[in-house]
């Protein structure tokens, strides 16, 4: 199963019917669940799950590991993390890191 329901802008609770879809993914007897960029339902800034999130076997994320991935709360949802380079210039990444670390 490939999970791409929500992306990095997601926060808060997953509403129905998508919450039920996520529960179905988590209960499915499949070989693997792969999340694209962030498991749906996981807040990538905090690593928190409000009500339900995809439990991925692997997360393919872009540019860099998201801040919330380092939270202990996120560990049960991420699986193996694979960072993919999409050609973002290093200056843009450096500026984003500086901006977020400054508050």
N, C-alpha and C. Protein backbone atom coordinates (compact mmCIF):
# COMPACT_ATOMS: atom_id res chain seq x y z
N UNK A 1 0.86 -1.17 0.00
CA UNK A 1 0.00 0.00 0.00
C UNK A 1 0.90 1.23 0.00
N UNK A 2 0.57 2.20 -0.84
CA UNK A 2 1.27 3.48 -0.86
C UNK A 2 0.37 4.52 -0.22
N UNK A 3 0.87 5.15 0.83
CA UNK A 3 0.13 6.17 1.56
C UNK A 3 0.60 7.55 1.11
N UNK A 4 -0.33 8.30 0.54
CA UNK A 4 -0.06 9.68 0.16
C UNK A 4 -1.31 10.54 0.39
N UNK A 5 -2.06 10.22 1.45
CA UNK A 5 -3.29 10.95 1.74
C UNK A 5 -3.01 12.38 2.18
N UNK A 6 -2.08 12.56 3.12
CA UNK A 6 -1.74 13.88 3.64
C UNK A 6 -0.25 14.09 3.51
N UNK A 7 0.16 15.36 3.47
CA UNK A 7 1.57 15.68 3.35
C UNK A 7 2.08 16.45 4.54
N UNK A 8 3.14 17.20 4.32
CA UNK A 8 3.82 17.89 5.42
C UNK A 8 3.00 19.00 6.04
N UNK A 9 1.98 19.49 5.38
CA UNK A 9 1.17 20.57 5.94
C UNK A 9 0.09 20.10 6.90
N UNK A 10 -0.03 18.78 7.08
CA UNK A 10 -1.10 18.25 7.92
C UNK A 10 -0.82 18.50 9.40
N UNK A 11 -1.89 18.86 10.13
CA UNK A 11 -1.84 18.90 11.59
C UNK A 11 -3.26 18.72 12.09
N UNK A 12 -3.40 18.30 13.33
CA UNK A 12 -4.72 18.12 13.91
C UNK A 12 -5.21 16.69 13.80
N UNK A 13 -6.52 16.54 13.87
CA UNK A 13 -7.14 15.21 13.83
C UNK A 13 -7.54 14.85 12.40
N UNK A 14 -7.44 13.58 12.09
CA UNK A 14 -7.91 13.06 10.81
C UNK A 14 -9.42 12.86 10.93
N UNK A 15 -10.16 13.42 10.01
CA UNK A 15 -11.62 13.29 10.03
C UNK A 15 -12.06 12.10 9.18
N UNK A 16 -13.26 11.62 9.47
CA UNK A 16 -13.87 10.56 8.67
C UNK A 16 -14.21 11.13 7.30
N UNK A 17 -14.19 10.37 6.26
CA UNK A 17 -13.96 8.93 6.18
C UNK A 17 -12.48 8.54 6.09
N UNK A 18 -11.58 9.54 6.09
CA UNK A 18 -10.16 9.22 5.95
C UNK A 18 -9.60 8.54 7.19
N UNK A 19 -10.13 8.83 8.35
CA UNK A 19 -9.67 8.13 9.56
C UNK A 19 -9.95 6.64 9.44
N UNK A 20 -11.12 6.29 8.92
CA UNK A 20 -11.45 4.87 8.71
C UNK A 20 -10.55 4.25 7.66
N UNK A 21 -10.21 4.99 6.62
CA UNK A 21 -9.30 4.48 5.59
C UNK A 21 -7.93 4.18 6.19
N UNK A 22 -7.45 5.05 7.07
CA UNK A 22 -6.15 4.83 7.73
C UNK A 22 -6.22 3.61 8.64
N UNK A 23 -7.31 3.45 9.38
CA UNK A 23 -7.44 2.26 10.21
C UNK A 23 -7.44 0.99 9.35
N UNK A 24 -8.07 1.05 8.19
CA UNK A 24 -8.09 -0.10 7.28
C UNK A 24 -6.69 -0.41 6.76
N UNK A 25 -5.92 0.61 6.44
CA UNK A 25 -4.53 0.40 6.01
C UNK A 25 -3.75 -0.28 7.12
N UNK A 26 -3.89 0.22 8.35
CA UNK A 26 -3.15 -0.35 9.48
C UNK A 26 -3.55 -1.79 9.78
N UNK A 27 -4.78 -2.15 9.48
CA UNK A 27 -5.27 -3.51 9.73
C UNK A 27 -5.07 -4.46 8.55
N UNK A 28 -4.66 -3.93 7.41
CA UNK A 28 -4.54 -4.74 6.19
C UNK A 28 -3.41 -5.75 6.31
N UNK A 29 -3.64 -6.92 5.77
CA UNK A 29 -2.63 -7.97 5.72
C UNK A 29 -1.91 -7.86 4.39
N UNK A 30 -0.91 -6.96 4.35
CA UNK A 30 -0.18 -6.68 3.11
C UNK A 30 1.32 -6.85 3.35
N UNK A 31 2.04 -6.94 2.26
CA UNK A 31 3.48 -7.12 2.37
C UNK A 31 4.16 -5.88 2.94
N UNK A 32 3.72 -4.69 2.53
CA UNK A 32 4.37 -3.47 3.02
C UNK A 32 3.45 -2.26 2.84
N UNK A 33 3.64 -1.29 3.74
CA UNK A 33 3.00 0.01 3.63
C UNK A 33 4.12 1.04 3.52
N UNK A 34 4.07 1.84 2.45
CA UNK A 34 5.09 2.86 2.22
C UNK A 34 4.43 4.22 2.23
N UNK A 35 4.89 5.11 3.11
CA UNK A 35 4.37 6.47 3.19
C UNK A 35 5.23 7.38 2.32
N UNK A 36 4.56 8.27 1.61
CA UNK A 36 5.26 9.25 0.79
C UNK A 36 5.36 10.56 1.57
N UNK A 37 6.56 10.98 1.85
CA UNK A 37 6.97 12.18 2.57
C UNK A 37 6.72 12.11 4.07
N UNK A 38 5.52 11.73 4.48
CA UNK A 38 5.20 11.62 5.91
C UNK A 38 4.00 10.68 6.04
N UNK A 39 3.99 9.79 7.02
CA UNK A 39 2.81 8.95 7.20
C UNK A 39 1.57 9.83 7.46
N UNK A 40 0.49 9.57 6.74
CA UNK A 40 -0.73 10.37 6.90
C UNK A 40 -1.23 10.30 8.33
N UNK A 41 -1.51 11.49 8.88
CA UNK A 41 -1.98 11.59 10.26
C UNK A 41 -0.89 11.99 11.24
N UNK A 42 0.37 11.93 10.81
CA UNK A 42 1.50 12.29 11.67
C UNK A 42 1.85 13.75 11.41
N UNK A 43 1.96 14.55 12.46
CA UNK A 43 2.39 15.94 12.33
C UNK A 43 3.91 15.93 12.18
N UNK A 44 4.40 16.35 11.02
CA UNK A 44 5.85 16.23 10.77
C UNK A 44 6.68 17.24 11.56
N UNK A 45 6.04 18.25 12.12
CA UNK A 45 6.78 19.22 12.95
C UNK A 45 6.97 18.71 14.37
N UNK A 46 5.95 18.02 14.91
CA UNK A 46 6.00 17.59 16.31
C UNK A 46 6.20 16.09 16.48
N UNK A 47 5.84 15.32 15.46
CA UNK A 47 5.89 13.86 15.56
C UNK A 47 4.68 13.28 16.27
N UNK A 48 3.71 14.12 16.59
CA UNK A 48 2.53 13.69 17.33
C UNK A 48 1.42 13.19 16.40
N UNK A 49 0.60 12.31 16.94
CA UNK A 49 -0.59 11.79 16.26
C UNK A 49 -1.77 12.15 17.14
N UNK A 50 -2.74 12.88 16.58
CA UNK A 50 -3.90 13.29 17.38
C UNK A 50 -4.86 12.14 17.60
N UNK A 51 -5.23 11.44 16.52
CA UNK A 51 -6.18 10.34 16.70
C UNK A 51 -5.78 9.08 15.95
N UNK A 52 -5.30 9.18 14.73
CA UNK A 52 -4.93 8.00 13.96
C UNK A 52 -3.90 8.41 12.91
N UNK A 53 -2.97 7.50 12.62
CA UNK A 53 -1.97 7.74 11.58
C UNK A 53 -1.57 6.41 10.97
N UNK A 54 -1.11 6.47 9.74
CA UNK A 54 -0.62 5.28 9.05
C UNK A 54 0.63 4.78 9.75
N UNK A 55 0.69 3.47 9.96
CA UNK A 55 1.89 2.83 10.50
C UNK A 55 2.65 2.25 9.30
N UNK A 56 3.63 2.98 8.84
CA UNK A 56 4.37 2.61 7.63
C UNK A 56 5.52 1.66 7.93
N UNK A 57 5.82 0.81 6.97
CA UNK A 57 7.02 -0.02 7.05
C UNK A 57 8.22 0.77 6.56
N UNK A 58 7.96 1.77 5.71
CA UNK A 58 9.01 2.66 5.21
C UNK A 58 8.38 4.00 4.88
N UNK A 59 9.16 5.06 5.10
CA UNK A 59 8.73 6.41 4.74
C UNK A 59 9.77 6.97 3.79
N UNK A 60 9.32 7.31 2.59
CA UNK A 60 10.20 7.95 1.61
C UNK A 60 9.92 9.44 1.71
N UNK A 61 10.90 10.17 2.23
CA UNK A 61 10.72 11.60 2.46
C UNK A 61 11.68 12.38 1.58
N UNK A 62 11.38 13.64 1.37
CA UNK A 62 12.13 14.45 0.41
C UNK A 62 12.98 15.50 1.10
N UNK A 63 14.15 15.74 0.56
CA UNK A 63 15.10 16.78 0.95
C UNK A 63 15.83 16.44 2.24
N UNK A 64 15.09 16.25 3.34
CA UNK A 64 15.73 16.00 4.64
C UNK A 64 14.73 15.32 5.57
N UNK A 65 15.25 14.73 6.64
CA UNK A 65 14.40 14.15 7.67
C UNK A 65 13.62 15.30 8.33
N UNK A 66 12.33 15.12 8.49
CA UNK A 66 11.50 16.15 9.09
C UNK A 66 11.74 16.23 10.59
N UNK A 67 11.56 17.40 11.15
CA UNK A 67 11.81 17.66 12.57
C UNK A 67 11.09 16.66 13.48
N UNK A 68 9.83 16.41 13.22
CA UNK A 68 9.03 15.53 14.07
C UNK A 68 9.43 14.08 14.01
N UNK A 69 10.18 13.68 12.97
CA UNK A 69 10.61 12.28 12.85
C UNK A 69 11.53 11.88 13.99
N UNK A 70 12.17 12.84 14.61
CA UNK A 70 13.10 12.55 15.69
C UNK A 70 12.40 12.40 17.04
N UNK A 71 11.11 12.64 17.07
CA UNK A 71 10.31 12.48 18.29
C UNK A 71 10.08 11.01 18.56
N UNK A 72 10.16 10.63 19.81
CA UNK A 72 9.88 9.24 20.18
C UNK A 72 8.48 8.82 19.81
N UNK A 73 7.53 9.76 19.83
CA UNK A 73 6.15 9.46 19.48
C UNK A 73 6.00 9.02 18.03
N UNK A 74 6.87 9.49 17.15
CA UNK A 74 6.77 9.19 15.72
C UNK A 74 7.34 7.83 15.35
N UNK A 75 8.19 7.28 16.19
CA UNK A 75 8.94 6.08 15.82
C UNK A 75 8.08 4.89 15.43
N UNK A 76 6.91 4.74 16.00
CA UNK A 76 6.04 3.61 15.68
C UNK A 76 5.30 3.75 14.36
N UNK A 77 5.46 4.88 13.69
CA UNK A 77 4.72 5.15 12.46
C UNK A 77 5.61 5.25 11.22
N UNK A 78 6.89 5.45 11.38
CA UNK A 78 7.77 5.77 10.26
C UNK A 78 8.35 4.58 9.52
N UNK A 79 8.66 3.51 10.22
CA UNK A 79 9.40 2.41 9.61
C UNK A 79 10.78 2.90 9.20
N UNK A 80 11.34 2.30 8.16
CA UNK A 80 12.63 2.74 7.65
C UNK A 80 12.46 4.08 6.94
N UNK A 81 13.31 5.04 7.26
CA UNK A 81 13.24 6.37 6.63
C UNK A 81 14.25 6.43 5.49
N UNK A 82 13.77 6.79 4.31
CA UNK A 82 14.62 6.95 3.13
C UNK A 82 14.48 8.39 2.67
N UNK A 83 15.59 9.14 2.66
CA UNK A 83 15.57 10.53 2.21
C UNK A 83 15.96 10.57 0.74
N UNK A 84 15.12 11.22 -0.06
CA UNK A 84 15.34 11.31 -1.50
C UNK A 84 15.68 12.75 -1.87
N UNK A 85 16.74 12.91 -2.62
CA UNK A 85 17.14 14.22 -3.13
C UNK A 85 16.26 14.57 -4.32
N UNK A 86 15.61 15.73 -4.25
CA UNK A 86 14.78 16.17 -5.38
C UNK A 86 15.37 17.42 -6.04
N UNK A 87 16.64 17.67 -5.79
CA UNK A 87 17.33 18.76 -6.46
C UNK A 87 17.19 20.12 -5.79
N UNK A 88 16.79 20.15 -4.54
CA UNK A 88 16.67 21.41 -3.83
C UNK A 88 18.06 21.99 -3.61
N UNK A 89 18.28 23.25 -4.00
CA UNK A 89 19.60 23.85 -3.82
C UNK A 89 20.00 23.90 -2.35
N UNK A 90 21.24 23.59 -2.03
CA UNK A 90 21.69 23.63 -0.62
C UNK A 90 21.42 24.95 0.07
N UNK A 91 21.48 26.07 -0.65
CA UNK A 91 21.22 27.37 -0.02
C UNK A 91 19.80 27.47 0.50
N UNK A 92 18.84 26.85 -0.19
CA UNK A 92 17.45 26.87 0.26
C UNK A 92 17.30 26.02 1.52
N UNK A 93 17.97 24.87 1.55
CA UNK A 93 17.92 24.00 2.73
C UNK A 93 18.55 24.71 3.92
N UNK A 94 19.71 25.32 3.72
CA UNK A 94 20.39 26.05 4.80
C UNK A 94 19.51 27.17 5.34
N UNK A 95 18.85 27.90 4.44
CA UNK A 95 17.97 29.00 4.86
C UNK A 95 16.79 28.47 5.67
N UNK A 96 16.21 27.34 5.25
CA UNK A 96 15.08 26.75 5.97
C UNK A 96 15.50 26.29 7.35
N UNK A 97 16.67 25.67 7.45
CA UNK A 97 17.16 25.21 8.75
C UNK A 97 17.41 26.38 9.67
N UNK A 98 18.02 27.43 9.16
CA UNK A 98 18.30 28.62 9.96
C UNK A 98 17.01 29.28 10.43
N UNK A 99 16.03 29.38 9.54
CA UNK A 99 14.75 30.01 9.88
C UNK A 99 14.02 29.22 10.95
N UNK A 100 13.96 27.90 10.82
CA UNK A 100 13.22 27.09 11.79
C UNK A 100 13.96 27.00 13.12
N UNK A 101 15.26 27.04 13.11
CA UNK A 101 15.98 26.95 14.38
C UNK A 101 15.96 28.27 15.13
N UNK A 102 15.69 29.37 14.43
CA UNK A 102 15.59 30.68 15.07
C UNK A 102 14.21 30.91 15.67
N UNK A 103 13.29 30.04 15.40
CA UNK A 103 11.95 30.17 15.98
C UNK A 103 10.97 30.47 14.92
